[in-house]
PDB file of N, CA and C in Angstrom:
ATOM      1  N   MET A   1      91.046  78.350 108.135  1.00  0.00           N
ATOM      2  CA  MET A   1      91.849  79.473 108.446  1.00  0.00           C
ATOM      3  C   MET A   1      93.300  79.036 108.598  1.00  0.00           C
ATOM      4  N   ILE A   2      94.132  79.741 107.801  1.00  0.00           N
ATOM      5  CA  ILE A   2      95.550  79.393 107.694  1.00  0.00           C
ATOM      6  C   ILE A   2      96.281  80.185 108.960  1.00  0.00           C
ATOM      7  N   LYS A   3      97.003  79.342 109.655  1.00  0.00           N
ATOM      8  CA  LYS A   3      97.733  79.971 110.762  1.00  0.00           C
ATOM      9  C   LYS A   3      99.003  80.664 110.315  1.00  0.00           C
ATOM     10  N   SER A   4      99.473  81.540 111.044  1.00  0.00           N
ATOM     11  CA  SER A   4     100.683  82.329 110.751  1.00  0.00           C
ATOM     12  C   SER A   4     101.796  81.288 110.846  1.00  0.00           C
ATOM     13  N   PRO A   5     102.787  81.355 109.871  1.00  0.00           N
ATOM     14  CA  PRO A   5     103.985  80.555 110.054  1.00  0.00           C
ATOM     15  C   PRO A   5     105.006  81.057 111.059  1.00  0.00           C
ATOM     16  N   CYS A   6     104.731  82.047 111.786  1.00  0.00           N
ATOM     17  CA  CYS A   6     105.569  82.641 112.736  1.00  0.00           C
ATOM     18  C   CYS A   6     106.071  81.670 113.727  1.00  0.00           C
ATOM     19  N   THR A   7     107.361  81.602 114.087  1.00  0.00           N
ATOM     20  CA  THR A   7     107.837  80.675 114.943  1.00  0.00           C
ATOM     21  C   THR A   7     108.232  81.329 116.322  1.00  0.00           C
ATOM     22  N   GLY A   8     108.173  82.608 116.341  1.00  0.00           N
ATOM     23  CA  GLY A   8     108.597  83.340 117.590  1.00  0.00           C
ATOM     24  C   GLY A   8     110.088  83.535 117.718  1.00  0.00           C
ATOM     25  N   HIS A   9     110.800  83.178 116.701  1.00  0.00           N
ATOM     26  CA  HIS A   9     112.273  83.364 116.758  1.00  0.00           C
ATOM     27  C   HIS A   9     112.640  84.323 115.514  1.00  0.00           C
ATOM     28  N   CYS A  10     112.117  85.509 115.740  1.00  0.00           N
ATOM     29  CA  CYS A  10     112.263  86.593 114.720  1.00  0.00           C
ATOM     30  C   CYS A  10     113.638  87.171 114.678  1.00  0.00           C
ATOM     31  N   LYS A  11     114.319  87.243 113.452  1.00  0.00           N
ATOM     32  CA  LYS A  11     115.520  87.917 113.114  1.00  0.00           C
ATOM     33  C   LYS A  11     115.418  88.208 111.730  1.00  0.00           C
ATOM     34  N   VAL A  12     115.384  89.457 111.352  1.00  0.00           N
ATOM     35  CA  VAL A  12     115.372  89.830 109.937  1.00  0.00           C
ATOM     36  C   VAL A  12     116.744  89.933 109.412  1.00  0.00           C
ATOM     37  N   ARG A  13     116.948  89.267 108.271  1.00  0.00           N
ATOM     38  CA  ARG A  13     118.404  89.339 107.620  1.00  0.00           C
ATOM     39  C   ARG A  13     118.004  89.354 106.171  1.00  0.00           C
ATOM     40  N   ASP A  14     118.486  90.392 105.485  1.00  0.00           N
ATOM     41  CA  ASP A  14     118.344  90.641 104.024  1.00  0.00           C
ATOM     42  C   ASP A  14     116.878  90.618 103.652  1.00  0.00           C
ATOM     43  N   GLY A  15     116.023  91.216 104.597  1.00  0.00           N
ATOM     44  CA  GLY A  15     114.540  91.453 104.250  1.00  0.00           C
ATOM     45  C   GLY A  15     113.739  90.290 104.517  1.00  0.00           C
ATOM     46  N   CYS A  16     114.293  89.175 105.120  1.00  0.00           N
ATOM     47  CA  CYS A  16     113.595  87.952 105.392  1.00  0.00           C
ATOM     48  C   CYS A  16     113.809  87.473 106.837  1.00  0.00           C
ATOM     49  N   CYS A  17     112.728  87.090 107.443  1.00  0.00           N
ATOM     50  CA  CYS A  17     112.788  86.565 108.787  1.00  0.00           C
ATOM     51  C   CYS A  17     113.531  85.278 108.697  1.00  0.00           C
ATOM     52  N   THR A  18     114.585  85.034 109.684  1.00  0.00           N
ATOM     53  CA  THR A  18     115.211  83.677 109.730  1.00  0.00           C
ATOM     54  C   THR A  18     114.491  82.716 110.440  1.00  0.00           C
ATOM     55  N   GLY A  19     113.413  83.115 111.084  1.00  0.00           N
ATOM     56  CA  GLY A  19     112.581  82.203 111.841  1.00  0.00           C
ATOM     57  C   GLY A  19     111.365  81.567 110.996  1.00  0.00           C
ATOM     58  N   CYS A  20     110.655  82.360 110.334  1.00  0.00           N
ATOM     59  CA  CYS A  20     109.534  81.975 109.464  1.00  0.00           C
ATOM     60  C   CYS A  20     109.739  82.020 107.945  1.00  0.00           C
ATOM     61  N   TYR A  21     110.826  82.714 107.598  1.00  0.00           N
ATOM     62  CA  TYR A  21     111.127  82.819 106.132  1.00  0.00           C
ATOM     63  C   TYR A  21     110.149  83.692 105.391  1.00  0.00           C
ATOM     64  N   ARG A  22     109.418  84.606 106.050  1.00  0.00           N
ATOM     65  CA  ARG A  22     108.565  85.548 105.388  1.00  0.00           C
ATOM     66  C   ARG A  22     109.293  86.859 105.223  1.00  0.00           C
ATOM     67  N   THR A  23     109.027  87.612 104.181  1.00  0.00           N
ATOM     68  CA  THR A  23     109.529  88.873 103.956  1.00  0.00           C
ATOM     69  C   THR A  23     108.936  89.855 104.973  1.00  0.00           C
ATOM     70  N   VAL A  24     109.558  90.968 105.179  1.00  0.00           N
ATOM     71  CA  VAL A  24     108.957  91.985 106.125  1.00  0.00           C
ATOM     72  C   VAL A  24     107.564  92.394 105.630  1.00  0.00           C
ATOM     73  N   GLN A  25     107.375  92.507 104.358  1.00  0.00           N
ATOM     74  CA  GLN A  25     106.124  92.945 103.730  1.00  0.00           C
ATOM     75  C   GLN A  25     105.094  91.831 104.002  1.00  0.00           C
ATOM     76  N   GLU A  26     105.554  90.583 103.795  1.00  0.00           N
ATOM     77  CA  GLU A  26     104.481  89.487 104.128  1.00  0.00           C
ATOM     78  C   GLU A  26     104.194  89.455 105.582  1.00  0.00           C
ATOM     79  N   ILE A  27     105.016  89.704 106.450  1.00  0.00           N
ATOM     80  CA  ILE A  27     104.742  89.735 107.893  1.00  0.00           C
ATOM     81  C   ILE A  27     103.739  90.767 108.240  1.00  0.00           C
ATOM     82  N   SER A  28     104.023  91.966 107.726  1.00  0.00           N
ATOM     83  CA  SER A  28     103.217  93.095 108.071  1.00  0.00           C
ATOM     84  C   SER A  28     101.807  93.073 107.398  1.00  0.00           C
ATOM     85  N   ASN A  29     101.731  92.390 106.317  1.00  0.00           N
ATOM     86  CA  ASN A  29     100.489  92.355 105.625  1.00  0.00           C
ATOM     87  C   ASN A  29      99.609  91.057 105.929  1.00  0.00           C
ATOM     88  N   TRP A  30     100.185  90.134 106.669  1.00  0.00           N
ATOM     89  CA  TRP A  30      99.529  88.931 106.972  1.00  0.00           C
ATOM     90  C   TRP A  30      98.047  89.014 107.388  1.00  0.00           C
ATOM     91  N   ARG A  31      97.848  89.854 108.269  1.00  0.00           N
ATOM     92  CA  ARG A  31      96.375  89.920 108.844  1.00  0.00           C
ATOM     93  C   ARG A  31      95.476  90.402 107.870  1.00  0.00           C
ATOM     94  N   TYR A  32      95.898  91.070 106.790  1.00  0.00           N
ATOM     95  CA  TYR A  32      95.035  91.644 105.732  1.00  0.00           C
ATOM     96  C   TYR A  32      94.921  90.727 104.458  1.00  0.00           C
ATOM     97  N   MET A  33      95.640  89.693 104.524  1.00  0.00           N
ATOM     98  CA  MET A  33      95.591  88.787 103.362  1.00  0.00           C
ATOM     99  C   MET A  33      94.437  87.816 103.276  1.00  0.00           C
ATOM    100  N   SER A  34      94.011  87.630 102.067  1.00  0.00           N
ATOM    101  CA  SER A  34      92.939  86.503 101.943  1.00  0.00           C
ATOM    102  C   SER A  34      93.628  85.170 102.224  1.00  0.00           C
ATOM    103  N   GLU A  35      92.750  84.139 102.184  1.00  0.00           N
ATOM    104  CA  GLU A  35      93.264  82.821 102.543  1.00  0.00           C
ATOM    105  C   GLU A  35      94.117  82.325 101.363  1.00  0.00           C
ATOM    106  N   LYS A  36      93.751  82.761 100.176  1.00  0.00           N
ATOM    107  CA  LYS A  36      94.474  82.450  98.962  1.00  0.00           C
ATOM    108  C   LYS A  36      95.953  83.005  98.987  1.00  0.00           C
ATOM    109  N   GLU A  37      95.979  84.270  99.313  1.00  0.00           N
ATOM    110  CA  GLU A  37      97.310  84.954  99.485  1.00  0.00           C
ATOM    111  C   GLU A  37      98.137  84.313 100.549  1.00  0.00           C
ATOM    112  N   LYS A  38      97.491  83.999 101.704  1.00  0.00           N
ATOM    113  CA  LYS A  38      98.307  83.227 102.743  1.00  0.00           C
ATOM    114  C   LYS A  38      98.742  81.928 102.284  1.00  0.00           C
ATOM    115  N   ARG A  39      97.987  81.131 101.523  1.00  0.00           N
ATOM    116  CA  ARG A  39      98.491  79.979 101.019  1.00  0.00           C
ATOM    117  C   ARG A  39      99.667  80.072 100.072  1.00  0.00           C
ATOM    118  N   GLU A  40      99.651  81.248  99.300  1.00  0.00           N
ATOM    119  CA  GLU A  40     100.819  81.481  98.390  1.00  0.00           C
ATOM    120  C   GLU A  40     102.005  81.883  99.087  1.00  0.00           C
ATOM    121  N   VAL A  41     101.850  82.586 100.230  1.00  0.00           N
ATOM    122  CA  VAL A  41     103.108  82.958 101.020  1.00  0.00           C
ATOM    123  C   VAL A  41     103.537  81.715 101.772  1.00  0.00           C
ATOM    124  N   CYS A  42     102.676  80.857 102.153  1.00  0.00           N
ATOM    125  CA  CYS A  42     103.205  79.536 102.795  1.00  0.00           C
ATOM    126  C   CYS A  42     103.956  78.719 101.769  1.00  0.00           C
ATOM    127  N   PHE A  43     103.551  78.687 100.530  1.00  0.00           N
ATOM    128  CA  PHE A  43     104.212  78.037  99.495  1.00  0.00           C
ATOM    129  C   PHE A  43     105.610  78.534  99.342  1.00  0.00           C
ATOM    130  N   LYS A  44     105.706  79.972  99.226  1.00  0.00           N
ATOM    131  CA  LYS A  44     106.918  80.633  99.122  1.00  0.00           C
ATOM    132  C   LYS A  44     107.896  80.335 100.243  1.00  0.00           C
ATOM    133  N   VAL A  45     107.290  80.311 101.504  1.00  0.00           N
ATOM    134  CA  VAL A  45     108.022  80.106 102.684  1.00  0.00           C
ATOM    135  C   VAL A  45     108.685  78.714 102.636  1.00  0.00           C
ATOM    136  N   CYS A  46     107.979  77.671 102.195  1.00  0.00           N
ATOM    137  CA  CYS A  46     108.555  76.388 102.024  1.00  0.00           C
ATOM    138  C   CYS A  46     109.728  76.335 101.055  1.00  0.00           C
ATOM    139  N   HIS A  47     109.508  77.058  99.940  1.00  0.00           N
ATOM    140  CA  HIS A  47     110.584  77.175  98.969  1.00  0.00           C
ATOM    141  C   HIS A  47     111.847  77.897  99.519  1.00  0.00           C
ATOM    142  N   ARG A  48     111.616  79.001 100.191  1.00  0.00           N
ATOM    143  CA  ARG A  48     112.755  79.717 100.791  1.00  0.00           C
ATOM    144  C   ARG A  48     113.399  78.895 101.830  1.00  0.00           C
ATOM    145  N   GLN A  49     112.738  78.265 102.673  1.00  0.00           N
ATOM    146  CA  GLN A  49     113.256  77.401 103.725  1.00  0.00           C
ATOM    147  C   GLN A  49     114.184  76.248 103.131  1.00  0.00           C
ATOM    148  N   SER A  50     113.656  75.679 102.137  1.00  0.00           N
ATOM    149  CA  SER A  50     114.444  74.610 101.367  1.00  0.00           C
ATOM    150  C   SER A  50     115.637  75.171 100.709  1.00  0.00           C
ATOM    151  N   SER A  51     115.503  76.347 100.059  1.00  0.00           N
ATOM    152  CA  SER A  51     116.740  76.922  99.459  1.00  0.00           C
ATOM    153  C   SER A  51     117.753  77.302 100.448  1.00  0.00           C
ATOM    154  N   MET A  52     117.371  77.875 101.590  1.00  0.00           N
ATOM    155  CA  MET A  52     118.266  78.307 102.609  1.00  0.00           C
ATOM    156  C   MET A  52     119.031  77.001 103.174  1.00  0.00           C
ATOM    157  N   GLN A  53     118.196  75.992 103.366  1.00  0.00           N
ATOM    158  CA  GLN A  53     118.776  74.784 103.924  1.00  0.00           C
ATOM    159  C   GLN A  53     119.844  74.221 103.010  1.00  0.00           C
ATOM    160  N   ASP A  54     119.467  74.092 101.715  1.00  0.00           N
ATOM    161  CA  ASP A  54     120.312  73.684 100.718  1.00  0.00           C
ATOM    162  C   ASP A  54     121.629  74.450 100.695  1.00  0.00           C
ATOM    163  N   MET A  55     121.675  75.749 100.796  1.00  0.00           N
ATOM    164  CA  MET A  55     122.806  76.590 100.892  1.00  0.00           C
ATOM    165  C   MET A  55     123.652  76.387 102.019  1.00  0.00           C
ATOM    166  N   ARG A  56     122.975  76.154 103.245  1.00  0.00           N
ATOM    167  CA  ARG A  56     123.710  75.784 104.421  1.00  0.00           C
ATOM    168  C   ARG A  56     124.438  74.463 104.351  1.00  0.00           C
ATOM    169  N   ASP A  57     123.706  73.403 103.822  1.00  0.00           N
ATOM    170  CA  ASP A  57     124.299  72.146 103.478  1.00  0.00           C
ATOM    171  C   ASP A  57     125.448  72.134 102.644  1.00  0.00           C
ATOM    172  N   LYS A  58     125.425  73.011 101.743  1.00  0.00           N
ATOM    173  CA  LYS A  58     126.534  73.171 100.707  1.00  0.00           C
ATOM    174  C   LYS A  58     127.698  74.014 101.270  1.00  0.00           C
ATOM    175  N   GLY A  59     127.416  74.767 102.309  1.00  0.00           N
ATOM    176  CA  GLY A  59     128.357  75.604 102.930  1.00  0.00           C
ATOM    177  C   GLY A  59     128.414  76.982 102.243  1.00  0.00           C
ATOM    178  N   ILE A  60     127.377  77.370 101.549  1.00  0.00           N
ATOM    179  CA  ILE A  60     127.303  78.672 100.767  1.00  0.00           C
ATOM    180  C   ILE A  60     126.760  79.685 101.692  1.00  0.00           C
ATOM    181  N   SER A  61     127.531  80.794 101.837  1.00  0.00           N
ATOM    182  CA  SER A  61     127.042  81.845 102.654  1.00  0.00           C
ATOM    183  C   SER A  61     126.607  83.089 101.735  1.00  0.00           C
ATOM    184  N   ASN A  62     125.590  83.765 102.352  1.00  0.00           N
ATOM    185  CA  ASN A  62     125.106  84.954 101.524  1.00  0.00           C
ATOM    186  C   ASN A  62     125.886  86.192 101.983  1.00  0.00           C
ATOM    187  N   GLY A  63     126.977  86.009 102.703  1.00  0.00           N
ATOM    188  CA  GLY A  63     127.940  87.251 103.003  1.00  0.00           C
ATOM    189  C   GLY A  63     127.409  87.977 104.172  1.00  0.00           C
ATOM    190  N   SER A  64     126.375  87.485 104.863  1.00  0.00           N
ATOM    191  CA  SER A  64     125.889  88.388 106.042  1.00  0.00           C
ATOM    192  C   SER A  64     126.029  87.481 107.273  1.00  0.00           C
ATOM    193  N   GLU A  65     126.838  86.438 107.359  1.00  0.00           N
ATOM    194  CA  GLU A  65     126.904  85.671 108.482  1.00  0.00           C
ATOM    195  C   GLU A  65     127.583  86.433 109.570  1.00  0.00           C
ATOM    196  N   GLU A  66     127.251  86.149 110.816  1.00  0.00           N
ATOM    197  CA  GLU A  66     127.751  86.821 112.011  1.00  0.00           C
ATOM    198  C   GLU A  66     128.916  86.035 112.573  1.00  0.00           C
TER     199      GLU A  66
END
């Protein structure tokens, strides 16, 4: 059973949670997803997290900084 990647630090920005890096749709559909779909989401989450970290490291902003 694949555990939810939720970190409990939810804040949605640009349609994606800044805590777990899932989209709003992925969050709302999580309980209905198959194990395969959850693995796919987890793969996407890892990619999004890496991409966001790379942008922060390079000082690139998406224009929605507070």
